[in-house]
Each structure stands twice: as C-alpha cells, then as structure tokens.
C-alpha cells in the first residue's frame, strides 16, 4: 500500500491528467451496479425451467431448424394446448 505522501502524489498526478479526471458527485450518484443492467431484460411472461424427455427424432428436428428451436417447440406445444382448450 502506498504511504500517505505517495497517495497524495498519485492523486495530484491523476487530477493533473485531463484524460483521468475524477467523477463528479452527480456522475457517481448516477452510476448503477453492473449486475443491475447485465443480461436480458426480465420478461413479463416468465417460463418455467423443467426437465422433460423427448424422443431423439423430435429434438433433432427442432434443432435442425436453427437458433430459437426451443422457442419454436414451445410455440407448437402452445398451439396444441389452445386447440385442446377449445374442445373442452
């Protein structure tokens, strides 16, 4: 750790550097923790994480359709549920 004198010199050098100016109080207050803005926004229609076994042919087919295959599989299952609900 730097001594108090070394710390003063480091701070003075940093303040003299136009590219390394300290943040203002307003800038510090406006900062948001990184974990609060990382990742995908939370969905209003949250999905449940479940463990399900499908036949290999079904999984291979949906995977062959490219990225987003799980969402497409969910869409097919949703359509099935809607059709069954209308029959009741």
PDB file of N, CA and C in Angstrom:
ATOM      1  N   UNK A   1       0.847  -1.181   0.000  1.00  0.00           N
ATOM      2  CA  UNK A   1       0.000   0.000   0.000  1.00  0.00           C
ATOM      3  C   UNK A   1       0.888   1.238   0.000  1.00  0.00           C
ATOM      4  N   UNK A   2       0.449   2.266  -0.725  1.00  0.00           N
ATOM      5  CA  UNK A   2       1.251   3.495  -0.741  1.00  0.00           C
ATOM      6  C   UNK A   2       1.141   4.232   0.602  1.00  0.00           C
ATOM      7  N   UNK A   3       2.188   4.949   0.898  1.00  0.00           N
ATOM      8  CA  UNK A   3       2.163   5.774   2.108  1.00  0.00           C
ATOM      9  C   UNK A   3       1.242   6.966   1.849  1.00  0.00           C
ATOM     10  N   UNK A   4       0.960   7.728   2.891  1.00  0.00           N
ATOM     11  CA  UNK A   4       0.090   8.904   2.745  1.00  0.00           C
ATOM     12  C   UNK A   4       0.694   9.891   1.759  1.00  0.00           C
ATOM     13  N   UNK A   5       2.014  10.075   1.807  1.00  0.00           N
ATOM     14  CA  UNK A   5       2.692  11.003   0.886  1.00  0.00           C
ATOM     15  C   UNK A   5       2.608  10.491  -0.548  1.00  0.00           C
ATOM     16  N   UNK A   6       2.846   9.195  -0.729  1.00  0.00           N
ATOM     17  CA  UNK A   6       2.744   8.614  -2.078  1.00  0.00           C
ATOM     18  C   UNK A   6       1.317   8.713  -2.605  1.00  0.00           C
ATOM     19  N   UNK A   7       0.349   8.512  -1.737  1.00  0.00           N
ATOM     20  CA  UNK A   7      -1.056   8.611  -2.127  1.00  0.00           C
ATOM     21  C   UNK A   7      -1.390  10.027  -2.587  1.00  0.00           C
ATOM     22  N   UNK A   8      -0.886  11.027  -1.874  1.00  0.00           N
ATOM     23  CA  UNK A   8      -1.119  12.432  -2.279  1.00  0.00           C
ATOM     24  C   UNK A   8      -0.517  12.698  -3.656  1.00  0.00           C
ATOM     25  N   UNK A   9       0.703  12.183  -3.897  1.00  0.00           N
ATOM     26  CA  UNK A   9       1.355  12.384  -5.200  1.00  0.00           C
ATOM     27  C   UNK A   9       0.557  11.690  -6.316  1.00  0.00           C
ATOM     28  N   UNK A  10       0.084  10.484  -6.036  1.00  0.00           N
ATOM     29  CA  UNK A  10      -0.702   9.752  -7.030  1.00  0.00           C
ATOM     30  C   UNK A  10      -1.974  10.519  -7.363  1.00  0.00           C
ATOM     31  N   UNK A  11      -2.677  11.002  -6.343  1.00  0.00           N
ATOM     32  CA  UNK A  11      -3.906  11.773  -6.557  1.00  0.00           C
ATOM     33  C   UNK A  11      -3.636  13.070  -7.304  1.00  0.00           C
ATOM     34  N   UNK A  12      -2.541  13.751  -6.965  1.00  0.00           N
ATOM     35  CA  UNK A  12      -2.197  15.006  -7.654  1.00  0.00           C
ATOM     36  C   UNK A  12      -1.903  14.733  -9.126  1.00  0.00           C
ATOM     37  N   UNK A  13      -1.176  13.650  -9.413  1.00  0.00           N
ATOM     38  CA  UNK A  13      -0.857  13.309 -10.804  1.00  0.00           C
ATOM     39  C   UNK A  13      -2.128  12.956 -11.571  1.00  0.00           C
ATOM     40  N   UNK A  14      -3.030  12.224 -10.940  1.00  0.00           N
ATOM     41  CA  UNK A  14      -4.275  11.847 -11.595  1.00  0.00           C
ATOM     42  C   UNK A  14      -5.130  13.068 -11.891  1.00  0.00           C
ATOM     43  N   UNK A  15      -5.202  13.994 -10.953  1.00  0.00           N
ATOM     44  CA  UNK A  15      -6.005  15.207 -11.161  1.00  0.00           C
ATOM     45  C   UNK A  15      -5.415  16.106 -12.234  1.00  0.00           C
ATOM     46  N   UNK A  16      -4.097  16.029 -12.443  1.00  0.00           N
ATOM     47  CA  UNK A  16      -3.439  16.848 -13.464  1.00  0.00           C
ATOM     48  C   UNK A  16      -3.632  16.260 -14.857  1.00  0.00           C
ATOM     49  N   UNK A  17      -3.993  15.008 -14.953  1.00  0.00           N
ATOM     50  CA  UNK A  17      -4.176  14.341 -16.243  1.00  0.00           C
ATOM     51  C   UNK A  17      -5.567  14.670 -16.768  1.00  0.00           C
ATOM     52  N   UNK A  18      -5.692  15.362 -17.923  1.00  0.00           N
ATOM     53  CA  UNK A  18      -7.010  15.735 -18.435  1.00  0.00           C
ATOM     54  C   UNK A  18      -7.858  14.532 -18.852  1.00  0.00           C
ATOM     55  N   UNK A  19      -7.225  13.386 -19.114  1.00  0.00           N
ATOM     56  CA  UNK A  19      -7.969  12.192 -19.509  1.00  0.00           C
ATOM     57  C   UNK A  19      -8.387  11.337 -18.315  1.00  0.00           C
ATOM     58  N   UNK A  20      -7.998  11.735 -17.119  1.00  0.00           N
ATOM     59  CA  UNK A  20      -8.302  10.919 -15.939  1.00  0.00           C
ATOM     60  C   UNK A  20      -8.886  11.779 -14.821  1.00  0.00           C
ATOM     61  N   UNK A  21      -9.840  12.608 -15.167  1.00  0.00           N
ATOM     62  CA  UNK A  21     -10.448  13.474 -14.158  1.00  0.00           C
ATOM     63  C   UNK A  21     -11.385  12.664 -13.274  1.00  0.00           C
ATOM     64  N   UNK A  22     -11.431  12.997 -11.983  1.00  0.00           N
ATOM     65  CA  UNK A  22     -12.340  12.274 -11.097  1.00  0.00           C
ATOM     66  C   UNK A  22     -13.798  12.534 -11.467  1.00  0.00           C
ATOM     67  N   UNK A  23     -14.639  11.578 -11.143  1.00  0.00           N
ATOM     68  CA  UNK A  23     -16.063  11.734 -11.425  1.00  0.00           C
ATOM     69  C   UNK A  23     -16.679  12.733 -10.456  1.00  0.00           C
ATOM     70  N   UNK A  24     -17.659  13.465 -10.970  1.00  0.00           N
ATOM     71  CA  UNK A  24     -18.373  14.417 -10.110  1.00  0.00           C
ATOM     72  C   UNK A  24     -19.331  13.651  -9.201  1.00  0.00           C
ATOM     73  N   UNK A  25     -19.843  14.334  -8.195  1.00  0.00           N
ATOM     74  CA  UNK A  25     -20.790  13.702  -7.277  1.00  0.00           C
ATOM     75  C   UNK A  25     -22.032  13.237  -8.048  1.00  0.00           C
ATOM     76  N   UNK A  26     -22.498  14.054  -8.994  1.00  0.00           N
ATOM     77  CA  UNK A  26     -23.681  13.697  -9.797  1.00  0.00           C
ATOM     78  C   UNK A  26     -23.401  12.443 -10.632  1.00  0.00           C
ATOM     79  N   UNK A  27     -22.193  12.362 -11.200  1.00  0.00           N
ATOM     80  CA  UNK A  27     -21.846  11.187 -12.003  1.00  0.00           C
ATOM     81  C   UNK A  27     -21.796   9.932 -11.130  1.00  0.00           C
ATOM     82  N   UNK A  28     -21.216  10.055  -9.950  1.00  0.00           N
ATOM     83  CA  UNK A  28     -21.147   8.911  -9.041  1.00  0.00           C
ATOM     84  C   UNK A  28     -22.537   8.453  -8.614  1.00  0.00           C
ATOM     85  N   UNK A  29     -23.439   9.398  -8.346  1.00  0.00           N
ATOM     86  CA  UNK A  29     -24.796   9.049  -7.921  1.00  0.00           C
ATOM     87  C   UNK A  29     -25.604   8.415  -9.053  1.00  0.00           C
ATOM     88  N   UNK A  30     -25.263   8.761 -10.307  1.00  0.00           N
ATOM     89  CA  UNK A  30     -25.995   8.224 -11.459  1.00  0.00           C
ATOM     90  C   UNK A  30     -25.534   6.812 -11.835  1.00  0.00           C
ATOM     91  N   UNK A  31     -24.447   6.365 -11.260  1.00  0.00           N
ATOM     92  CA  UNK A  31     -23.919   5.044 -11.601  1.00  0.00           C
ATOM     93  C   UNK A  31     -24.841   3.951 -11.062  1.00  0.00           C
ATOM     94  N   UNK A  32     -24.959   2.874 -11.850  1.00  0.00           N
ATOM     95  CA  UNK A  32     -25.811   1.737 -11.495  1.00  0.00           C
ATOM     96  C   UNK A  32     -24.910   0.508 -11.404  1.00  0.00           C
ATOM     97  N   UNK A  33     -25.089  -0.341 -10.396  1.00  0.00           N
ATOM     98  CA  UNK A  33     -24.268  -1.558 -10.330  1.00  0.00           C
ATOM     99  C   UNK A  33     -24.405  -2.377 -11.603  1.00  0.00           C
ATOM    100  N   UNK A  34     -23.316  -2.947 -12.056  1.00  0.00           N
ATOM    101  CA  UNK A  34     -23.294  -3.692 -13.310  1.00  0.00           C
ATOM    102  C   UNK A  34     -24.306  -4.826 -13.311  1.00  0.00           C
ATOM    103  N   UNK A  35     -24.469  -5.518 -12.194  1.00  0.00           N
ATOM    104  CA  UNK A  35     -25.395  -6.646 -12.170  1.00  0.00           C
ATOM    105  C   UNK A  35     -26.837  -6.206 -12.416  1.00  0.00           C
ATOM    106  N   UNK A  36     -27.131  -4.917 -12.207  1.00  0.00           N
ATOM    107  CA  UNK A  36     -28.497  -4.423 -12.408  1.00  0.00           C
ATOM    108  C   UNK A  36     -28.830  -4.222 -13.885  1.00  0.00           C
ATOM    109  N   UNK A  37     -27.823  -4.108 -14.745  1.00  0.00           N
ATOM    110  CA  UNK A  37     -28.086  -3.852 -16.163  1.00  0.00           C
ATOM    111  C   UNK A  37     -27.587  -4.973 -17.071  1.00  0.00           C
ATOM    112  N   UNK A  38     -27.004  -6.016 -16.501  1.00  0.00           N
ATOM    113  CA  UNK A  38     -26.475  -7.105 -17.318  1.00  0.00           C
ATOM    114  C   UNK A  38     -27.582  -8.060 -17.747  1.00  0.00           C
ATOM    115  N   UNK A  39     -27.359  -8.677 -18.873  1.00  0.00           N
ATOM    116  CA  UNK A  39     -28.249  -9.739 -19.317  1.00  0.00           C
ATOM    117  C   UNK A  39     -29.507  -9.254 -19.991  1.00  0.00           C
ATOM    118  N   UNK A  40     -30.337 -10.199 -20.261  1.00  0.00           N
ATOM    119  CA  UNK A  40     -31.590  -9.970 -20.969  1.00  0.00           C
ATOM    120  C   UNK A  40     -32.608  -9.336 -20.026  1.00  0.00           C
ATOM    121  N   UNK A  41     -33.425  -8.408 -20.525  1.00  0.00           N
ATOM    122  CA  UNK A  41     -34.475  -7.827 -19.660  1.00  0.00           C
ATOM    123  C   UNK A  41     -35.436  -8.909 -19.183  1.00  0.00           C
ATOM    124  N   UNK A  42     -35.964  -8.743 -17.992  1.00  0.00           N
ATOM    125  CA  UNK A  42     -36.899  -9.711 -17.431  1.00  0.00           C
ATOM    126  C   UNK A  42     -38.195  -9.678 -18.233  1.00  0.00           C
ATOM    127  N   UNK A  43     -38.683 -10.858 -18.577  1.00  0.00           N
ATOM    128  CA  UNK A  43     -39.908 -10.984 -19.360  1.00  0.00           C
ATOM    129  C   UNK A  43     -41.124 -10.959 -18.449  1.00  0.00           C
ATOM    130  N   UNK A  44     -42.216 -10.402 -18.944  1.00  0.00           N
ATOM    131  CA  UNK A  44     -43.467 -10.444 -18.192  1.00  0.00           C
ATOM    132  C   UNK A  44     -44.044 -11.858 -18.218  1.00  0.00           C
ATOM    133  N   UNK A  45     -43.742 -12.611 -19.274  1.00  0.00           N
ATOM    134  CA  UNK A  45     -44.232 -13.984 -19.424  1.00  0.00           C
ATOM    135  C   UNK A  45     -43.090 -14.950 -19.122  1.00  0.00           C
ATOM    136  N   UNK A  46     -42.765 -15.049 -17.846  1.00  0.00           N
ATOM    137  CA  UNK A  46     -41.655 -15.913 -17.452  1.00  0.00           C
ATOM    138  C   UNK A  46     -41.981 -17.370 -17.743  1.00  0.00           C
ATOM    139  N   UNK A  47     -40.963 -18.089 -18.148  1.00  0.00           N
ATOM    140  CA  UNK A  47     -41.124 -19.510 -18.433  1.00  0.00           C
ATOM    141  C   UNK A  47     -40.574 -20.312 -17.256  1.00  0.00           C
ATOM    142  N   UNK A  48     -41.053 -21.525 -17.133  1.00  0.00           N
ATOM    143  CA  UNK A  48     -40.625 -22.409 -16.056  1.00  0.00           C
ATOM    144  C   UNK A  48     -39.519 -23.322 -16.556  1.00  0.00           C
ATOM    145  N   UNK A  49     -38.539 -23.550 -15.717  1.00  0.00           N
ATOM    146  CA  UNK A  49     -37.477 -24.486 -16.039  1.00  0.00           C
ATOM    147  C   UNK A  49     -37.912 -25.867 -15.576  1.00  0.00           C
ATOM    148  N   UNK A  50     -38.023 -26.790 -16.529  1.00  0.00           N
ATOM    149  CA  UNK A  50     -38.438 -28.160 -16.210  1.00  0.00           C
ATOM    150  C   UNK A  50     -37.504 -29.139 -16.923  1.00  0.00           C
ATOM    151  N   UNK A  51     -37.506 -30.349 -16.455  1.00  0.00           N
ATOM    152  CA  UNK A  51     -36.736 -31.400 -17.098  1.00  0.00           C
ATOM    153  C   UNK A  51     -37.733 -32.330 -17.791  1.00  0.00           C
ATOM    154  N   UNK A  52     -37.599 -32.462 -19.109  1.00  0.00           N
ATOM    155  CA  UNK A  52     -38.529 -33.259 -19.903  1.00  0.00           C
ATOM    156  C   UNK A  52     -37.709 -34.132 -20.833  1.00  0.00           C
ATOM    157  N   UNK A  53     -38.208 -35.318 -21.111  1.00  0.00           N
ATOM    158  CA  UNK A  53     -37.544 -36.210 -22.069  1.00  0.00           C
ATOM    159  C   UNK A  53     -38.386 -36.282 -23.349  1.00  0.00           C
ATOM    160  N   UNK A  54     -37.737 -36.002 -24.478  1.00  0.00           N
ATOM    161  CA  UNK A  54     -38.382 -36.098 -25.783  1.00  0.00           C
ATOM    162  C   UNK A  54     -37.667 -37.178 -26.587  1.00  0.00           C
ATOM    163  N   UNK A  55     -38.354 -37.706 -27.577  1.00  0.00           N
ATOM    164  CA  UNK A  55     -37.710 -38.694 -28.447  1.00  0.00           C
ATOM    165  C   UNK A  55     -36.611 -37.988 -29.253  1.00  0.00           C
ATOM    166  N   UNK A  56     -35.557 -38.722 -29.589  1.00  0.00           N
ATOM    167  CA  UNK A  56     -34.444 -38.106 -30.325  1.00  0.00           C
ATOM    168  C   UNK A  56     -34.876 -37.468 -31.640  1.00  0.00           C
ATOM    169  N   UNK A  57     -35.861 -38.078 -32.313  1.00  0.00           N
ATOM    170  CA  UNK A  57     -36.313 -37.542 -33.605  1.00  0.00           C
ATOM    171  C   UNK A  57     -36.921 -36.152 -33.446  1.00  0.00           C
ATOM    172  N   UNK A  58     -37.674 -35.960 -32.364  1.00  0.00           N
ATOM    173  CA  UNK A  58     -38.311 -34.656 -32.124  1.00  0.00           C
ATOM    174  C   UNK A  58     -37.244 -33.601 -31.869  1.00  0.00           C
ATOM    175  N   UNK A  59     -36.295 -33.918 -30.998  1.00  0.00           N
ATOM    176  CA  UNK A  59     -35.237 -32.954 -30.669  1.00  0.00           C
ATOM    177  C   UNK A  59     -34.388 -32.657 -31.901  1.00  0.00           C
ATOM    178  N   UNK A  60     -34.011 -33.692 -32.648  1.00  0.00           N
ATOM    179  CA  UNK A  60     -33.199 -33.485 -33.854  1.00  0.00           C
ATOM    180  C   UNK A  60     -33.923 -32.601 -34.857  1.00  0.00           C
ATOM    181  N   UNK A  61     -35.230 -32.823 -35.031  1.00  0.00           N
ATOM    182  CA  UNK A  61     -35.983 -31.999 -35.972  1.00  0.00           C
ATOM    183  C   UNK A  61     -35.941 -30.534 -35.565  1.00  0.00           C
ATOM    184  N   UNK A  62     -36.296 -30.248 -34.333  1.00  0.00           N
ATOM    185  CA  UNK A  62     -36.341 -28.852 -33.908  1.00  0.00           C
ATOM    186  C   UNK A  62     -34.954 -28.211 -33.924  1.00  0.00           C
ATOM    187  N   UNK A  63     -33.921 -28.953 -33.523  1.00  0.00           N
ATOM    188  CA  UNK A  63     -32.560 -28.407 -33.573  1.00  0.00           C
ATOM    189  C   UNK A  63     -32.148 -28.104 -35.012  1.00  0.00           C
ATOM    190  N   UNK A  64     -32.616 -28.912 -35.954  1.00  0.00           N
ATOM    191  CA  UNK A  64     -32.245 -28.706 -37.360  1.00  0.00           C
ATOM    192  C   UNK A  64     -32.847 -27.421 -37.923  1.00  0.00           C
ATOM    193  N   UNK A  65     -33.827 -26.850 -37.229  1.00  0.00           N
ATOM    194  CA  UNK A  65     -34.443 -25.606 -37.711  1.00  0.00           C
ATOM    195  C   UNK A  65     -33.630 -24.381 -37.329  1.00  0.00           C
ATOM    196  N   UNK A  66     -32.533 -24.577 -36.568  1.00  0.00           N
ATOM    197  CA  UNK A  66     -31.625 -23.472 -36.252  1.00  0.00           C
ATOM    198  C   UNK A  66     -31.874 -22.846 -34.887  1.00  0.00           C
ATOM    199  N   UNK A  67     -31.195 -21.711 -34.678  1.00  0.00           N
ATOM    200  CA  UNK A  67     -31.323 -20.997 -33.401  1.00  0.00           C
ATOM    201  C   UNK A  67     -32.774 -20.671 -33.109  1.00  0.00           C
ATOM    202  N   UNK A  68     -33.134 -20.744 -31.845  1.00  0.00           N
ATOM    203  CA  UNK A  68     -34.503 -20.474 -31.446  1.00  0.00           C
ATOM    204  C   UNK A  68     -35.383 -21.708 -31.485  1.00  0.00           C
ATOM    205  N   UNK A  69     -34.759 -22.888 -31.641  1.00  0.00           N
ATOM    206  CA  UNK A  69     -35.544 -24.122 -31.766  1.00  0.00           C
ATOM    207  C   UNK A  69     -36.383 -24.399 -30.531  1.00  0.00           C
ATOM    208  N   UNK A  70     -35.891 -24.034 -29.356  1.00  0.00           N
ATOM    209  CA  UNK A  70     -36.660 -24.289 -28.140  1.00  0.00           C
ATOM    210  C   UNK A  70     -37.913 -23.414 -28.094  1.00  0.00           C
ATOM    211  N   UNK A  71     -37.792 -22.176 -28.568  1.00  0.00           N
ATOM    212  CA  UNK A  71     -38.961 -21.287 -28.622  1.00  0.00           C
ATOM    213  C   UNK A  71     -39.980 -21.807 -29.631  1.00  0.00           C
ATOM    214  N   UNK A  72     -39.496 -22.337 -30.759  1.00  0.00           N
ATOM    215  CA  UNK A  72     -40.423 -22.905 -31.740  1.00  0.00           C
ATOM    216  C   UNK A  72     -41.127 -24.121 -31.170  1.00  0.00           C
ATOM    217  N   UNK A  73     -40.396 -24.944 -30.433  1.00  0.00           N
ATOM    218  CA  UNK A  73     -41.008 -26.115 -29.805  1.00  0.00           C
ATOM    219  C   UNK A  73     -42.073 -25.658 -28.810  1.00  0.00           C
ATOM    220  N   UNK A  74     -41.780 -24.615 -28.048  1.00  0.00           N
ATOM    221  CA  UNK A  74     -42.751 -24.062 -27.109  1.00  0.00           C
ATOM    222  C   UNK A  74     -43.994 -23.578 -27.864  1.00  0.00           C
ATOM    223  N   UNK A  75     -43.789 -22.942 -29.016  1.00  0.00           N
ATOM    224  CA  UNK A  75     -44.915 -22.454 -29.813  1.00  0.00           C
ATOM    225  C   UNK A  75     -45.826 -23.581 -30.287  1.00  0.00           C
ATOM    226  N   UNK A  76     -45.214 -24.685 -30.718  1.00  0.00           N
ATOM    227  CA  UNK A  76     -46.007 -25.836 -31.170  1.00  0.00           C
ATOM    228  C   UNK A  76     -46.820 -26.395 -30.009  1.00  0.00           C
ATOM    229  N   UNK A  77     -46.204 -26.509 -28.851  1.00  0.00           N
ATOM    230  CA  UNK A  77     -46.916 -27.025 -27.683  1.00  0.00           C
ATOM    231  C   UNK A  77     -48.031 -26.074 -27.241  1.00  0.00           C
ATOM    232  N   UNK A  78     -47.789 -24.765 -27.349  1.00  0.00           N
ATOM    233  CA  UNK A  78     -48.831 -23.782 -27.002  1.00  0.00           C
ATOM    234  C   UNK A  78     -50.037 -23.925 -27.931  1.00  0.00           C
ATOM    235  N   UNK A  79     -49.762 -24.101 -29.239  1.00  0.00           N
ATOM    236  CA  UNK A  79     -50.859 -24.289 -30.199  1.00  0.00           C
ATOM    237  C   UNK A  79     -51.671 -25.523 -29.853  1.00  0.00           C
ATOM    238  N   UNK A  80     -50.986 -26.575 -29.482  1.00  0.00           N
ATOM    239  CA  UNK A  80     -51.687 -27.802 -29.100  1.00  0.00           C
ATOM    240  C   UNK A  80     -52.579 -27.556 -27.888  1.00  0.00           C
ATOM    241  N   UNK A  81     -52.051 -26.872 -26.889  1.00  0.00           N
ATOM    242  CA  UNK A  81     -52.835 -26.583 -25.676  1.00  0.00           C
ATOM    243  C   UNK A  81     -54.058 -25.736 -26.030  1.00  0.00           C
ATOM    244  N   UNK A  82     -53.889 -24.730 -26.894  1.00  0.00           N
ATOM    245  CA  UNK A  82     -55.018 -23.878 -27.288  1.00  0.00           C
ATOM    246  C   UNK A  82     -56.099 -24.691 -28.001  1.00  0.00           C
ATOM    247  N   UNK A  83     -55.689 -25.580 -28.896  1.00  0.00           N
ATOM    248  CA  UNK A  83     -56.669 -26.412 -29.609  1.00  0.00           C
ATOM    249  C   UNK A  83     -57.407 -27.322 -28.641  1.00  0.00           C
ATOM    250  N   UNK A  84     -56.689 -27.902 -27.702  1.00  0.00           N
ATOM    251  CA  UNK A  84     -57.334 -28.783 -26.733  1.00  0.00           C
ATOM    252  C   UNK A  84     -58.261 -28.014 -25.816  1.00  0.00           C
ATOM    253  N   UNK A  85     -57.895 -26.781 -25.477  1.00  0.00           N
ATOM    254  CA  UNK A  85     -58.739 -25.952 -24.600  1.00  0.00           C
ATOM    255  C   UNK A  85     -60.052 -25.586 -25.285  1.00  0.00           C
ATOM    256  N   UNK A  86     -59.999 -25.368 -26.604  1.00  0.00           N
ATOM    257  CA  UNK A  86     -61.229 -25.025 -27.346  1.00  0.00           C
ATOM    258  C   UNK A  86     -62.191 -26.190 -27.419  1.00  0.00           C
ATOM    259  N   UNK A  87     -61.684 -27.416 -27.392  1.00  0.00           N
ATOM    260  CA  UNK A  87     -62.526 -28.614 -27.467  1.00  0.00           C
ATOM    261  C   UNK A  87     -63.302 -28.820 -26.177  1.00  0.00           C
ATOM    262  N   UNK A  88     -62.790 -28.288 -25.083  1.00  0.00           N
ATOM    263  CA  UNK A  88     -63.465 -28.516 -23.785  1.00  0.00           C
ATOM    264  C   UNK A  88     -64.673 -27.658 -23.609  1.00  0.00           C
TER     265      UNK A  88
END
